[in-house]
Amino acid sequence: MDFFTELAYRNFALFTFGIICLIGTLVTGILSFTTTTEVLGINAFIKPFKFFLSTVIFSWSMGWYLGYLNHPTVITIYSWTVILVLSFELIYITLRAAQGQLSHFNISTQQNALMFSLMGITISIMTLFTLYIGMLFFQSKLPELPSSYLWGIRLGIICFVIFAFEGGIMGAKLAHTIGAADGGQGLKLLNWSTKHGDLRIAHFVGMHALQILPLIGFYLLSSSKQMIIFSSVYFITCTVVLIQALLKIPLIK
């Protein structure tokens, strides 16, 4: 079976949700070229485009990994938690983009502050649930999986959770740029600041350990020891990038 047939078999709910979000990615991508609404100096629909795309990758990754676990009730509850939480976030982000307004860090009114808080609470619940899924991978014996791949999944989830919660630093500061106000010159599409520290970089790289570590473990490494060493280097790199941002130093000038 090809990847998508197998993914639909493993977790049809997250497979379908990923398809819906892929459509959202295409729509917001088109809108980013056909509209002139801007937020912080860039097209307003760039942000929902990136969030839709990230959700596709996350949903399909977790849908694939969950297929290895024998916990059907937990998997069903988790899958629908992901769908409900991320649907709420994506709808709100896209709505605010259409209005030319910030979705995150926006506490300009009581209602905006409430919505920002709700996003933080719901994402935290989903992230903690993802940590629990990671614990199940530590507890489950999966002899059919290469040890490097299994450890890639385990450590990928742990790294994802840690750097997902790194977003709390941005929430506390109500900004992602260190050393200046949000906005200004940044890398194309990613918009990471090229003048100041940017907390989004460690957030992005750390969370995508969820895909990178298992892929490295499956295709390039051959033992759990190699995977643990590689994951440690990866985690240290993410931490260095975070410290660099906190010191107001851009990743690329």
C-alpha atoms as a PDB file:
ATOM      1  CA  MET A   1       0.000   0.000   0.000  1.00  0.00           C
ATOM      2  CA  ASP A   2       1.177   3.548  -0.660  1.00  0.00           C
ATOM      3  CA  PHE A   3       1.711   6.053   2.143  1.00  0.00           C
ATOM      4  CA  PHE A   4      -1.728   7.685   1.976  1.00  0.00           C
ATOM      5  CA  THR A   5      -3.630   4.397   1.773  1.00  0.00           C
ATOM      6  CA  GLU A   6      -1.712   3.109   4.784  1.00  0.00           C
ATOM      7  CA  LEU A   7      -2.189   6.387   6.676  1.00  0.00           C
ATOM      8  CA  ALA A   8      -5.948   6.325   6.071  1.00  0.00           C
ATOM      9  CA  TYR A   9      -6.007   2.748   7.360  1.00  0.00           C
ATOM     10  CA  ARG A  10      -4.026   3.617  10.478  1.00  0.00           C
ATOM     11  CA  ASN A  11      -5.977   6.727  11.473  1.00  0.00           C
ATOM     12  CA  PHE A  12      -8.757   7.832   9.161  1.00  0.00           C
ATOM     13  CA  ALA A  13      -9.751  10.798  11.360  1.00  0.00           C
ATOM     14  CA  LEU A  14      -6.312  12.449  11.297  1.00  0.00           C
ATOM     15  CA  PHE A  15      -5.826  11.494   7.647  1.00  0.00           C
ATOM     16  CA  THR A  16      -9.081  13.278   6.725  1.00  0.00           C
ATOM     17  CA  PHE A  17      -8.285  16.261   8.927  1.00  0.00           C
ATOM     18  CA  GLY A  18      -4.925  16.556   7.182  1.00  0.00           C
ATOM     19  CA  ILE A  19      -6.672  16.609   3.795  1.00  0.00           C
ATOM     20  CA  ILE A  20      -8.969  19.410   4.975  1.00  0.00           C
ATOM     21  CA  CYS A  21      -5.987  21.377   6.280  1.00  0.00           C
ATOM     22  CA  LEU A  22      -4.144  20.800   3.004  1.00  0.00           C
ATOM     23  CA  ILE A  23      -7.061  22.494   1.244  1.00  0.00           C
ATOM     24  CA  GLY A  24      -6.757  25.311   3.792  1.00  0.00           C
ATOM     25  CA  THR A  25      -3.054  25.545   2.961  1.00  0.00           C
ATOM     26  CA  LEU A  26      -3.823  25.955  -0.735  1.00  0.00           C
ATOM     27  CA  VAL A  27      -6.589  28.517  -0.138  1.00  0.00           C
ATOM     28  CA  THR A  28      -4.541  30.699   2.234  1.00  0.00           C
ATOM     29  CA  GLY A  29      -1.521  30.346  -0.055  1.00  0.00           C
ATOM     30  CA  ILE A  30      -3.571  31.730  -2.955  1.00  0.00           C
ATOM     31  CA  LEU A  31      -4.980  34.498  -0.738  1.00  0.00           C
ATOM     32  CA  SER A  32      -1.450  35.523   0.240  1.00  0.00           C
ATOM     33  CA  PHE A  33      -0.821  36.354  -3.429  1.00  0.00           C
ATOM     34  CA  THR A  34      -4.223  37.836  -4.262  1.00  0.00           C
ATOM     35  CA  THR A  35      -4.945  40.086  -1.261  1.00  0.00           C
ATOM     36  CA  THR A  36      -3.231  43.171   0.101  1.00  0.00           C
ATOM     37  CA  THR A  37      -4.213  42.918   3.778  1.00  0.00           C
ATOM     38  CA  GLU A  38      -1.099  43.060   5.959  1.00  0.00           C
ATOM     39  CA  VAL A  39      -0.230  42.355   9.596  1.00  0.00           C
ATOM     40  CA  LEU A  40       3.126  43.575  10.923  1.00  0.00           C
ATOM     41  CA  GLY A  41       4.221  44.469   7.413  1.00  0.00           C
ATOM     42  CA  ILE A  42       3.619  41.109   5.714  1.00  0.00           C
ATOM     43  CA  ASN A  43       0.585  39.653   3.962  1.00  0.00           C
ATOM     44  CA  ALA A  44      -1.939  38.619   6.599  1.00  0.00           C
ATOM     45  CA  PHE A  45      -2.539  35.169   5.080  1.00  0.00           C
ATOM     46  CA  ILE A  46       1.103  34.050   5.335  1.00  0.00           C
ATOM     47  CA  LYS A  47       0.546  33.112   8.983  1.00  0.00           C
ATOM     48  CA  PRO A  48      -2.548  30.918   8.478  1.00  0.00           C
ATOM     49  CA  PHE A  49      -0.813  29.366   5.460  1.00  0.00           C
ATOM     50  CA  LYS A  50       2.091  28.282   7.661  1.00  0.00           C
ATOM     51  CA  PHE A  51      -0.212  27.059  10.439  1.00  0.00           C
ATOM     52  CA  PHE A  52      -2.356  25.034   8.029  1.00  0.00           C
ATOM     53  CA  LEU A  53       0.761  23.444   6.514  1.00  0.00           C
ATOM     54  CA  SER A  54       2.238  22.658   9.936  1.00  0.00           C
ATOM     55  CA  THR A  55      -1.054  21.085  10.981  1.00  0.00           C
ATOM     56  CA  VAL A  56      -1.047  18.831   7.915  1.00  0.00           C
ATOM     57  CA  ILE A  57       2.445  17.612   8.780  1.00  0.00           C
ATOM     58  CA  PHE A  58       1.655  17.180  12.485  1.00  0.00           C
ATOM     59  CA  SER A  59      -1.668  15.385  11.938  1.00  0.00           C
ATOM     60  CA  TRP A  60      -0.278  12.944   9.405  1.00  0.00           C
ATOM     61  CA  SER A  61       2.848  12.300  11.505  1.00  0.00           C
ATOM     62  CA  MET A  62       0.863  11.496  14.644  1.00  0.00           C
ATOM     63  CA  GLY A  63      -1.689   9.526  12.645  1.00  0.00           C
ATOM     64  CA  TRP A  64       1.146   7.358  11.332  1.00  0.00           C
ATOM     65  CA  TYR A  65       2.824   6.831  14.710  1.00  0.00           C
ATOM     66  CA  LEU A  66      -0.433   6.078  16.511  1.00  0.00           C
ATOM     67  CA  GLY A  67      -0.902   3.106  14.204  1.00  0.00           C
ATOM     68  CA  TYR A  68       1.850   1.299  16.116  1.00  0.00           C
ATOM     69  CA  LEU A  69       0.052   1.506  19.479  1.00  0.00           C
ATOM     70  CA  ASN A  70      -2.567  -0.891  20.759  1.00  0.00           C
ATOM     71  CA  HIS A  71      -4.634   1.595  22.757  1.00  0.00           C
ATOM     72  CA  PRO A  72      -7.741   2.191  20.581  1.00  0.00           C
ATOM     73  CA  THR A  73      -9.748   4.256  23.086  1.00  0.00           C
ATOM     74  CA  VAL A  74      -6.833   6.563  23.928  1.00  0.00           C
ATOM     75  CA  ILE A  75      -6.013   6.943  20.225  1.00  0.00           C
ATOM     76  CA  THR A  76      -9.598   7.909  19.373  1.00  0.00           C
ATOM     77  CA  ILE A  77      -9.789  10.492  22.167  1.00  0.00           C
ATOM     78  CA  TYR A  78      -6.371  11.904  21.268  1.00  0.00           C
ATOM     79  CA  SER A  79      -7.182  12.129  17.562  1.00  0.00           C
ATOM     80  CA  TRP A  80     -10.358  14.094  18.196  1.00  0.00           C
ATOM     81  CA  THR A  81      -8.585  16.303  20.728  1.00  0.00           C
ATOM     82  CA  VAL A  82      -6.071  17.213  18.010  1.00  0.00           C
ATOM     83  CA  ILE A  83      -8.852  17.868  15.492  1.00  0.00           C
ATOM     84  CA  LEU A  84     -10.952  20.047  17.806  1.00  0.00           C
ATOM     85  CA  VAL A  85      -8.053  22.032  19.284  1.00  0.00           C
ATOM     86  CA  LEU A  86      -6.305  22.737  15.995  1.00  0.00           C
ATOM     87  CA  SER A  87      -9.581  23.483  14.183  1.00  0.00           C
ATOM     88  CA  PHE A  88     -10.336  26.124  16.802  1.00  0.00           C
ATOM     89  CA  GLU A  89      -6.872  27.648  16.408  1.00  0.00           C
ATOM     90  CA  LEU A  90      -6.863  27.573  12.596  1.00  0.00           C
ATOM     91  CA  ILE A  91     -10.331  29.096  12.277  1.00  0.00           C
ATOM     92  CA  TYR A  92      -9.455  31.894  14.691  1.00  0.00           C
ATOM     93  CA  ILE A  93      -6.066  32.625  13.080  1.00  0.00           C
ATOM     94  CA  THR A  94      -7.630  32.750   9.614  1.00  0.00           C
ATOM     95  CA  LEU A  95     -10.511  34.951  10.779  1.00  0.00           C
ATOM     96  CA  ARG A  96      -8.141  37.432  12.382  1.00  0.00           C
ATOM     97  CA  ALA A  97      -5.966  37.439   9.256  1.00  0.00           C
ATOM     98  CA  ALA A  98      -9.010  38.295   7.152  1.00  0.00           C
ATOM     99  CA  GLN A  99      -9.658  41.200   9.536  1.00  0.00           C
ATOM    100  CA  GLY A 100      -6.027  42.340   9.318  1.00  0.00           C
ATOM    101  CA  GLN A 101      -5.573  41.732  13.038  1.00  0.00           C
ATOM    102  CA  LEU A 102      -3.135  39.774  15.206  1.00  0.00           C
ATOM    103  CA  SER A 103      -4.336  36.453  16.573  1.00  0.00           C
ATOM    104  CA  HIS A 104      -1.446  35.769  18.957  1.00  0.00           C
ATOM    105  CA  PHE A 105      -0.257  38.231  21.619  1.00  0.00           C
ATOM    106  CA  ASN A 106      -3.352  40.336  21.006  1.00  0.00           C
ATOM    107  CA  ILE A 107      -4.763  41.557  24.304  1.00  0.00           C
ATOM    108  CA  SER A 108      -6.011  44.879  22.961  1.00  0.00           C
ATOM    109  CA  THR A 109      -9.557  44.114  24.156  1.00  0.00           C
ATOM    110  CA  GLN A 110     -11.010  41.811  26.782  1.00  0.00           C
ATOM    111  CA  GLN A 111     -12.402  39.534  24.072  1.00  0.00           C
ATOM    112  CA  ASN A 112      -9.053  39.351  22.239  1.00  0.00           C
ATOM    113  CA  ALA A 113      -7.260  38.552  25.496  1.00  0.00           C
ATOM    114  CA  LEU A 114      -9.793  35.813  26.248  1.00  0.00           C
ATOM    115  CA  MET A 115      -9.338  34.212  22.826  1.00  0.00           C
ATOM    116  CA  PHE A 116      -5.549  34.353  23.132  1.00  0.00           C
ATOM    117  CA  SER A 117      -5.772  32.688  26.547  1.00  0.00           C
ATOM    118  CA  LEU A 118      -8.113  30.006  25.207  1.00  0.00           C
ATOM    119  CA  MET A 119      -5.667  29.198  22.417  1.00  0.00           C
ATOM    120  CA  GLY A 120      -2.889  28.822  24.967  1.00  0.00           C
ATOM    121  CA  ILE A 121      -4.954  26.609  27.256  1.00  0.00           C
ATOM    122  CA  THR A 122      -6.240  24.297  24.529  1.00  0.00           C
ATOM    123  CA  ILE A 123      -2.823  23.932  22.868  1.00  0.00           C
ATOM    124  CA  SER A 124      -1.302  23.146  26.282  1.00  0.00           C
ATOM    125  CA  ILE A 125      -3.895  20.397  26.837  1.00  0.00           C
ATOM    126  CA  MET A 126      -3.162  18.887  23.431  1.00  0.00           C
ATOM    127  CA  THR A 127       0.592  19.088  24.022  1.00  0.00           C
ATOM    128  CA  LEU A 128       0.331  17.351  27.398  1.00  0.00           C
ATOM    129  CA  PHE A 129      -1.812  14.660  25.764  1.00  0.00           C
ATOM    130  CA  THR A 130       0.931  14.266  23.139  1.00  0.00           C
ATOM    131  CA  LEU A 131       3.433  13.795  25.973  1.00  0.00           C
ATOM    132  CA  TYR A 132       1.223  11.001  27.294  1.00  0.00           C
ATOM    133  CA  ILE A 133       1.284   9.383  23.846  1.00  0.00           C
ATOM    134  CA  GLY A 134       5.073   9.615  24.002  1.00  0.00           C
ATOM    135  CA  MET A 135       5.026   7.820  27.359  1.00  0.00           C
ATOM    136  CA  LEU A 136       3.003   5.012  25.781  1.00  0.00           C
ATOM    137  CA  PHE A 137       5.790   4.548  23.242  1.00  0.00           C
ATOM    138  CA  PHE A 138       8.252   4.171  26.116  1.00  0.00           C
ATOM    139  CA  GLN A 139       5.989   1.614  27.820  1.00  0.00           C
ATOM    140  CA  SER A 140       5.036  -0.386  24.724  1.00  0.00           C
ATOM    141  CA  LYS A 141       7.160  -3.222  23.390  1.00  0.00           C
ATOM    142  CA  LEU A 142       7.314  -2.873  19.629  1.00  0.00           C
ATOM    143  CA  PRO A 143       9.854  -5.473  18.468  1.00  0.00           C
ATOM    144  CA  GLU A 144       8.744  -5.141  14.852  1.00  0.00           C
ATOM    145  CA  LEU A 145      10.180  -1.616  14.689  1.00  0.00           C
ATOM    146  CA  PRO A 146      13.915  -0.918  14.219  1.00  0.00           C
ATOM    147  CA  SER A 147      15.273   0.288  17.560  1.00  0.00           C
ATOM    148  CA  SER A 148      16.675   3.494  16.047  1.00  0.00           C
ATOM    149  CA  TYR A 149      13.271   4.302  14.537  1.00  0.00           C
ATOM    150  CA  LEU A 150      11.390   3.573  17.772  1.00  0.00           C
ATOM    151  CA  TRP A 151      13.759   5.776  19.740  1.00  0.00           C
ATOM    152  CA  GLY A 152      13.396   8.423  17.053  1.00  0.00           C
ATOM    153  CA  ILE A 153       9.641   8.453  17.661  1.00  0.00           C
ATOM    154  CA  ARG A 154      10.079   8.522  21.442  1.00  0.00           C
ATOM    155  CA  LEU A 155      12.653  11.297  21.510  1.00  0.00           C
ATOM    156  CA  GLY A 156      10.991  13.173  18.653  1.00  0.00           C
ATOM    157  CA  ILE A 157       7.803  13.443  20.712  1.00  0.00           C
ATOM    158  CA  ILE A 158       9.721  14.531  23.813  1.00  0.00           C
ATOM    159  CA  CYS A 159      11.608  17.232  21.890  1.00  0.00           C
ATOM    160  CA  PHE A 160       8.352  18.338  20.259  1.00  0.00           C
ATOM    161  CA  VAL A 161       6.683  18.764  23.637  1.00  0.00           C
ATOM    162  CA  ILE A 162       9.581  20.689  25.188  1.00  0.00           C
ATOM    163  CA  PHE A 163       9.822  23.179  22.358  1.00  0.00           C
ATOM    164  CA  ALA A 164       6.059  23.444  21.978  1.00  0.00           C
ATOM    165  CA  PHE A 165       6.028  24.710  25.551  1.00  0.00           C
ATOM    166  CA  GLU A 166       8.879  27.062  24.644  1.00  0.00           C
ATOM    167  CA  GLY A 167       6.039  28.989  23.021  1.00  0.00           C
ATOM    168  CA  GLY A 168       5.104  29.945  26.576  1.00  0.00           C
ATOM    169  CA  ILE A 169       8.092  32.305  26.617  1.00  0.00           C
ATOM    170  CA  MET A 170       6.595  34.120  23.642  1.00  0.00           C
ATOM    171  CA  GLY A 171       3.204  34.161  25.338  1.00  0.00           C
ATOM    172  CA  ALA A 172       4.677  35.644  28.495  1.00  0.00           C
ATOM    173  CA  LYS A 173       6.513  38.316  26.518  1.00  0.00           C
ATOM    174  CA  LEU A 174       3.560  38.859  24.145  1.00  0.00           C
ATOM    175  CA  ALA A 175       6.136  38.858  21.345  1.00  0.00           C
ATOM    176  CA  HIS A 176       8.473  36.576  19.464  1.00  0.00           C
ATOM    177  CA  THR A 177      11.211  39.113  18.712  1.00  0.00           C
ATOM    178  CA  ILE A 178      13.885  39.825  21.319  1.00  0.00           C
ATOM    179  CA  GLY A 179      15.504  43.233  21.105  1.00  0.00           C
ATOM    180  CA  ALA A 180      12.828  45.004  19.090  1.00  0.00           C
ATOM    181  CA  ALA A 181       9.103  45.044  18.389  1.00  0.00           C
ATOM    182  CA  ASP A 182       7.671  42.221  16.261  1.00  0.00           C
ATOM    183  CA  GLY A 183       7.774  42.871  12.537  1.00  0.00           C
ATOM    184  CA  GLY A 184      10.558  44.298  10.448  1.00  0.00           C
ATOM    185  CA  GLN A 185      13.048  42.618   8.149  1.00  0.00           C
ATOM    186  CA  GLY A 186      12.952  38.826   8.100  1.00  0.00           C
ATOM    187  CA  LEU A 187      13.689  35.732   6.052  1.00  0.00           C
ATOM    188  CA  LYS A 188      11.379  35.173   3.105  1.00  0.00           C
ATOM    189  CA  LEU A 189       8.205  33.222   3.995  1.00  0.00           C
ATOM    190  CA  LEU A 190       9.483  32.167   7.436  1.00  0.00           C
ATOM    191  CA  ASN A 191       9.832  35.844   8.420  1.00  0.00           C
ATOM    192  CA  TRP A 192      12.377  35.059  11.127  1.00  0.00           C
ATOM    193  CA  SER A 193      14.078  38.286  12.101  1.00  0.00           C
ATOM    194  CA  THR A 194      17.422  38.987  10.435  1.00  0.00           C
ATOM    195  CA  LYS A 195      18.099  41.917  12.767  1.00  0.00           C
ATOM    196  CA  HIS A 196      17.198  40.634  16.235  1.00  0.00           C
ATOM    197  CA  GLY A 197      16.640  37.467  18.265  1.00  0.00           C
ATOM    198  CA  ASP A 198      13.584  35.438  17.248  1.00  0.00           C
ATOM    199  CA  LEU A 199      12.040  32.840  19.572  1.00  0.00           C
ATOM    200  CA  ARG A 200      10.107  31.215  16.718  1.00  0.00           C
ATOM    201  CA  ILE A 201      13.244  29.552  15.342  1.00  0.00           C
ATOM    202  CA  ALA A 202      13.868  27.195  18.276  1.00  0.00           C
ATOM    203  CA  HIS A 203      10.103  26.641  18.488  1.00  0.00           C
ATOM    204  CA  PHE A 204      10.002  25.574  14.837  1.00  0.00           C
ATOM    205  CA  VAL A 205      13.162  23.457  14.770  1.00  0.00           C
ATOM    206  CA  GLY A 206      12.426  21.782  18.099  1.00  0.00           C
ATOM    207  CA  MET A 207       8.849  20.876  17.231  1.00  0.00           C
ATOM    208  CA  HIS A 208       9.833  19.394  13.874  1.00  0.00           C
ATOM    209  CA  ALA A 209      11.982  16.876  15.719  1.00  0.00           C
ATOM    210  CA  LEU A 210       8.675  14.988  15.612  1.00  0.00           C
ATOM    211  CA  GLN A 211       9.348  14.255  11.936  1.00  0.00           C
ATOM    212  CA  ILE A 212      13.127  14.618  11.633  1.00  0.00           C
ATOM    213  CA  LEU A 213      14.258  12.207  14.363  1.00  0.00           C
ATOM    214  CA  PRO A 214      12.070   9.262  13.291  1.00  0.00           C
ATOM    215  CA  LEU A 215      13.058   9.733   9.633  1.00  0.00           C
ATOM    216  CA  ILE A 216      16.750   9.838  10.536  1.00  0.00           C
ATOM    217  CA  GLY A 217      16.274   6.798  12.753  1.00  0.00           C
ATOM    218  CA  PHE A 218      14.490   4.831  10.046  1.00  0.00           C
ATOM    219  CA  TYR A 219      16.656   5.656   7.046  1.00  0.00           C
ATOM    220  CA  LEU A 220      20.127   6.566   8.323  1.00  0.00           C
ATOM    221  CA  LEU A 221      20.819   5.041  11.742  1.00  0.00           C
ATOM    222  CA  SER A 222      20.993   1.435  12.871  1.00  0.00           C
ATOM    223  CA  SER A 223      20.904   1.409  16.670  1.00  0.00           C
ATOM    224  CA  SER A 224      19.200   3.039  19.617  1.00  0.00           C
ATOM    225  CA  LYS A 225      22.586   4.319  20.843  1.00  0.00           C
ATOM    226  CA  GLN A 226      23.173   6.176  17.575  1.00  0.00           C
ATOM    227  CA  MET A 227      19.669   7.653  17.781  1.00  0.00           C
ATOM    228  CA  ILE A 228      20.148   8.820  21.364  1.00  0.00           C
ATOM    229  CA  ILE A 229      23.451  10.499  20.461  1.00  0.00           C
ATOM    230  CA  PHE A 230      21.957  12.172  17.370  1.00  0.00           C
ATOM    231  CA  SER A 231      18.880  13.304  19.330  1.00  0.00           C
ATOM    232  CA  SER A 232      21.087  14.769  22.053  1.00  0.00           C
ATOM    233  CA  VAL A 233      23.014  16.804  19.488  1.00  0.00           C
ATOM    234  CA  TYR A 234      19.734  17.910  17.910  1.00  0.00           C
ATOM    235  CA  PHE A 235      18.309  18.974  21.282  1.00  0.00           C
ATOM    236  CA  ILE A 236      21.482  20.863  22.181  1.00  0.00           C
ATOM    237  CA  THR A 237      21.337  22.648  18.813  1.00  0.00           C
ATOM    238  CA  CYS A 238      17.737  23.734  19.461  1.00  0.00           C
ATOM    239  CA  THR A 239      18.725  24.945  22.920  1.00  0.00           C
ATOM    240  CA  VAL A 240      21.644  26.950  21.525  1.00  0.00           C
ATOM    241  CA  VAL A 241      19.309  28.549  18.972  1.00  0.00           C
ATOM    242  CA  LEU A 242      16.934  29.464  21.810  1.00  0.00           C
ATOM    243  CA  ILE A 243      19.737  31.007  23.886  1.00  0.00           C
ATOM    244  CA  GLN A 244      20.958  32.881  20.814  1.00  0.00           C
ATOM    245  CA  ALA A 245      17.484  34.395  20.390  1.00  0.00           C
ATOM    246  CA  LEU A 246      17.280  35.338  24.077  1.00  0.00           C
ATOM    247  CA  LEU A 247      20.621  37.122  23.647  1.00  0.00           C
ATOM    248  CA  LYS A 248      19.037  39.174  20.835  1.00  0.00           C
ATOM    249  CA  ILE A 249      21.190  37.572  18.138  1.00  0.00           C
ATOM    250  CA  PRO A 250      19.539  36.720  14.789  1.00  0.00           C
ATOM    251  CA  LEU A 251      20.084  33.258  13.298  1.00  0.00           C
ATOM    252  CA  ILE A 252      21.027  34.761   9.926  1.00  0.00           C
ATOM    253  CA  LYS A 253      21.925  38.413   9.462  1.00  0.00           C
END
